[in-house]
Amino acid sequence: MLPLILTAVFCVTHSIAETGNLEVTVQAMFTGAKLDAVVVVRQGNRDYSDRFGDLSGNLNYGDYVLTVSSDGFQTRSQAIGLWQPKLSIRIGLSPGIGWSELLTTVRGRIDEIPEGEEFWVSLTPLLGANSDVSFPIRSLKRDGRFEFPYVVPGHYLLAVVQGFPGEPTEYVRVLHTRYVKVQPKVVDVNISLSEQ
């Protein structure tokens, strides 16, 4: 008879930490003064801000987006990867109002538009003011209405143009221009072409 050999295998599992502690320090960009701030922590569509009191919290390992805001300073978003037991981040905020609070809409209506022509409106930042911002031209709706969403406050030139500058031989005529000062509220611009 053959001897029966039983082998027992014991597995010891070692748990690797799957969570880490994230600590955020928020400072004024130019002075280095520590700021009271609100930090929103998101991963995709999920908000983990409820786990993040007093600018510190435990989160599962992964990639997150932090949005930091403080009164009197511009809001800042930053992507981070939490893949270690403890991660400390220092974020500097520039003075100013957060962009999300500033963005506004410029809208209006052009009255007495001749039929049968193509008309459009452009909104162009004046040189030296928001010169890195550009807006696509907007075709006028049949009733003469137009809208430019997500406009940063500043100084702009609004132009009403007949024709469309697609071909070099095409006729284009500027019918009206107007200086527009955009502030953090909806700006309504109404123009009557019969007053030209």
Protein backbone atom coordinates (compact mmCIF):
# COMPACT_ATOMS: atom_id res chain seq x y z
CA MET A 1 0.00 0.00 0.00
CA LEU A 2 1.30 3.44 -0.92
CA PRO A 3 1.52 6.04 1.78
CA LEU A 4 -0.83 8.95 1.42
CA ILE A 5 0.88 12.29 1.67
CA LEU A 6 -1.22 15.30 2.46
CA THR A 7 0.23 18.70 1.91
CA ALA A 8 -1.34 21.70 3.49
CA VAL A 9 -0.64 25.08 2.06
CA PHE A 10 -1.22 28.08 4.22
CA CYS A 11 -1.49 31.43 2.50
CA VAL A 12 -0.73 34.55 4.40
CA THR A 13 -2.06 37.60 2.67
CA HIS A 14 -0.41 40.91 3.26
CA SER A 15 -2.74 43.82 2.85
CA ILE A 16 -1.29 46.67 0.83
CA ALA A 17 -2.69 50.05 1.77
CA GLU A 18 -5.31 51.03 -0.78
CA THR A 19 -6.01 54.42 0.75
CA GLY A 20 -3.81 57.42 1.28
CA ASN A 21 -4.03 60.65 3.18
CA LEU A 22 -4.19 63.83 1.10
CA GLU A 23 -3.28 67.11 2.77
CA VAL A 24 -3.61 70.46 0.98
CA THR A 25 -2.07 73.78 2.00
CA VAL A 26 -3.47 76.85 0.25
CA GLN A 27 -1.42 80.04 0.09
CA ALA A 28 -1.63 83.48 -1.50
CA MET A 29 0.57 83.36 -4.61
CA PHE A 30 2.63 86.52 -3.99
CA THR A 31 2.73 86.78 -0.21
CA GLY A 32 2.75 83.14 0.84
CA ALA A 33 0.09 83.84 3.47
CA LYS A 34 -1.97 80.78 4.40
CA LEU A 35 -5.58 81.04 3.18
CA ASP A 36 -8.88 79.64 4.40
CA ALA A 37 -10.12 77.70 1.38
CA VAL A 38 -12.75 75.32 0.11
CA VAL A 39 -11.36 72.25 -1.64
CA VAL A 40 -13.57 70.15 -3.93
CA VAL A 41 -12.18 66.68 -4.67
CA ARG A 42 -13.57 64.86 -7.70
CA GLN A 43 -12.81 61.64 -9.55
CA GLY A 44 -14.75 61.57 -12.80
CA ASN A 45 -18.35 62.40 -11.87
CA ARG A 46 -17.95 61.42 -8.20
CA ASP A 47 -17.47 64.06 -5.53
CA TYR A 48 -15.38 63.08 -2.50
CA SER A 49 -15.43 66.46 -0.78
CA ASP A 50 -17.39 65.03 2.16
CA ARG A 51 -14.27 62.99 3.09
CA PHE A 52 -12.08 66.04 2.93
CA GLY A 53 -12.66 68.21 6.01
CA ASP A 54 -10.07 70.67 7.30
CA LEU A 55 -8.06 70.38 4.04
CA SER A 56 -7.07 66.79 4.82
CA GLY A 57 -8.71 63.44 4.18
CA ASN A 58 -8.31 59.76 3.37
CA LEU A 59 -9.09 58.68 -0.18
CA ASN A 60 -8.71 55.53 -2.24
CA TYR A 61 -5.63 55.42 -4.44
CA GLY A 62 -6.34 57.00 -7.81
CA ASP A 63 -6.33 60.14 -9.93
CA TYR A 64 -8.36 63.12 -8.75
CA VAL A 65 -9.06 66.72 -9.67
CA LEU A 66 -8.83 69.31 -6.90
CA THR A 67 -10.68 72.61 -7.27
CA VAL A 68 -9.53 75.14 -4.70
CA SER A 69 -11.27 78.45 -3.98
CA SER A 70 -10.92 81.22 -1.44
CA ASP A 71 -12.70 84.59 -1.15
CA GLY A 72 -10.86 87.28 -3.08
CA PHE A 73 -8.75 84.81 -5.10
CA GLN A 74 -9.06 83.09 -8.47
CA THR A 75 -10.29 79.51 -8.33
CA ARG A 76 -7.72 76.92 -9.42
CA SER A 77 -8.13 73.30 -10.54
CA GLN A 78 -5.30 70.77 -10.52
CA ALA A 79 -5.06 67.08 -11.39
CA ILE A 80 -3.24 64.92 -8.84
CA GLY A 81 -2.40 61.24 -8.43
CA LEU A 82 -2.73 59.73 -4.95
CA TRP A 83 -0.68 56.53 -5.06
CA GLN A 84 1.09 56.64 -1.71
CA PRO A 85 0.16 56.55 1.98
CA LYS A 86 0.55 60.33 2.43
CA LEU A 87 0.57 63.16 -0.12
CA SER A 88 1.00 66.82 0.80
CA ILE A 89 0.29 69.49 -1.82
CA ARG A 90 0.81 73.25 -1.65
CA ILE A 91 -1.39 75.31 -4.00
CA GLY A 92 -0.93 79.03 -4.63
CA LEU A 93 -3.92 81.20 -5.57
CA SER A 94 -3.67 84.50 -7.45
CA PRO A 95 -5.62 87.52 -6.21
CA GLY A 96 -8.88 88.19 -8.03
CA ILE A 97 -12.34 86.78 -8.41
CA GLY A 98 -12.70 83.19 -9.60
CA TRP A 99 -13.26 82.78 -13.37
CA SER A 100 -16.40 80.76 -12.84
CA GLU A 101 -17.95 83.75 -11.07
CA LEU A 102 -16.86 86.17 -13.79
CA LEU A 103 -17.91 84.46 -16.99
CA THR A 104 -20.97 86.07 -18.48
CA THR A 105 -23.01 86.30 -21.67
CA VAL A 106 -23.10 89.01 -24.33
CA ARG A 107 -26.34 88.86 -26.24
CA GLY A 108 -28.49 91.16 -28.27
CA ARG A 109 -30.54 91.83 -31.35
CA ILE A 110 -29.91 93.61 -34.63
CA ASP A 111 -33.07 95.35 -35.90
CA GLU A 112 -34.08 96.00 -39.52
CA ILE A 113 -31.83 93.52 -41.26
CA PRO A 114 -32.35 93.40 -45.06
CA GLU A 115 -33.60 90.01 -46.21
CA GLY A 116 -31.68 87.71 -48.55
CA GLU A 117 -28.22 88.53 -47.25
CA GLU A 118 -25.90 86.64 -44.90
CA PHE A 119 -25.17 88.65 -41.72
CA TRP A 120 -23.00 87.76 -38.77
CA VAL A 121 -21.64 89.30 -35.59
CA SER A 122 -18.11 89.16 -34.17
CA LEU A 123 -16.85 89.98 -30.68
CA THR A 124 -13.16 90.86 -30.61
CA PRO A 125 -11.09 91.76 -27.53
CA LEU A 126 -9.44 95.16 -27.85
CA LEU A 127 -5.64 95.04 -28.09
CA GLY A 128 -4.02 94.63 -24.70
CA ALA A 129 -7.23 93.55 -22.96
CA ASN A 130 -8.05 89.83 -22.94
CA SER A 131 -6.08 89.52 -26.19
CA ASP A 132 -5.67 85.77 -25.66
CA VAL A 133 -9.46 85.26 -25.78
CA SER A 134 -11.24 84.64 -29.07
CA PHE A 135 -14.85 83.93 -29.94
CA PRO A 136 -16.20 82.29 -33.07
CA ILE A 137 -18.31 84.52 -35.27
CA ARG A 138 -22.04 84.09 -34.81
CA SER A 139 -24.58 84.02 -37.60
CA LEU A 140 -27.61 86.10 -36.82
CA LYS A 141 -30.83 84.19 -36.26
CA ARG A 142 -33.79 85.10 -38.45
CA ASP A 143 -35.07 87.52 -35.83
CA GLY A 144 -31.65 89.23 -35.61
CA ARG A 145 -30.67 87.74 -32.25
CA PHE A 146 -27.15 86.65 -31.32
CA GLU A 147 -25.40 85.35 -28.21
CA PHE A 148 -21.79 84.89 -27.06
CA PRO A 149 -21.68 82.68 -23.93
CA TYR A 150 -18.73 82.38 -21.48
CA VAL A 151 -17.25 85.84 -22.02
CA VAL A 152 -14.53 87.07 -19.67
CA PRO A 153 -15.10 90.66 -18.47
CA GLY A 154 -13.09 93.23 -20.39
CA HIS A 155 -13.23 95.59 -23.36
CA TYR A 156 -14.46 94.35 -26.74
CA LEU A 157 -15.41 95.52 -30.21
CA LEU A 158 -18.70 94.15 -31.53
CA ALA A 159 -19.06 94.22 -35.33
CA VAL A 160 -22.10 93.52 -37.54
CA VAL A 161 -20.94 92.33 -40.97
CA GLN A 162 -22.75 91.63 -44.24
CA GLY A 163 -21.51 88.70 -46.35
CA PHE A 164 -19.11 86.04 -45.16
CA PRO A 165 -15.34 86.25 -45.59
CA GLY A 166 -14.89 82.72 -46.92
CA GLU A 167 -13.52 83.46 -50.38
CA PRO A 168 -10.98 86.19 -51.21
CA THR A 169 -13.22 87.54 -54.01
CA GLU A 170 -16.32 87.68 -51.84
CA TYR A 171 -17.75 91.08 -50.93
CA VAL A 172 -17.79 91.79 -47.18
CA ARG A 173 -19.05 95.02 -45.63
CA VAL A 174 -18.92 96.13 -41.98
CA LEU A 175 -22.32 97.63 -41.22
CA HIS A 176 -21.86 98.61 -37.60
CA THR A 177 -19.25 98.55 -34.83
CA ARG A 178 -19.70 99.24 -31.15
CA TYR A 179 -17.43 99.30 -28.12
CA VAL A 180 -18.77 96.91 -25.46
CA LYS A 181 -17.60 96.85 -21.84
CA VAL A 182 -18.31 93.41 -20.40
CA GLN A 183 -18.82 93.13 -16.65
CA PRO A 184 -19.74 90.09 -14.52
CA LYS A 185 -23.40 90.19 -15.54
CA VAL A 186 -25.35 89.53 -18.73
CA VAL A 187 -24.69 92.29 -21.27
CA ASP A 188 -27.53 93.17 -23.65
CA VAL A 189 -26.59 94.98 -26.87
CA ASN A 190 -29.39 96.15 -29.18
CA ILE A 191 -28.51 97.79 -32.50
CA SER A 192 -30.76 99.39 -35.11
CA LEU A 193 -29.22 99.42 -38.57
CA SER A 194 -31.69 102.12 -39.68
CA GLU A 195 -29.85 104.62 -37.44
CA GLN A 196 -26.72 104.36 -39.58
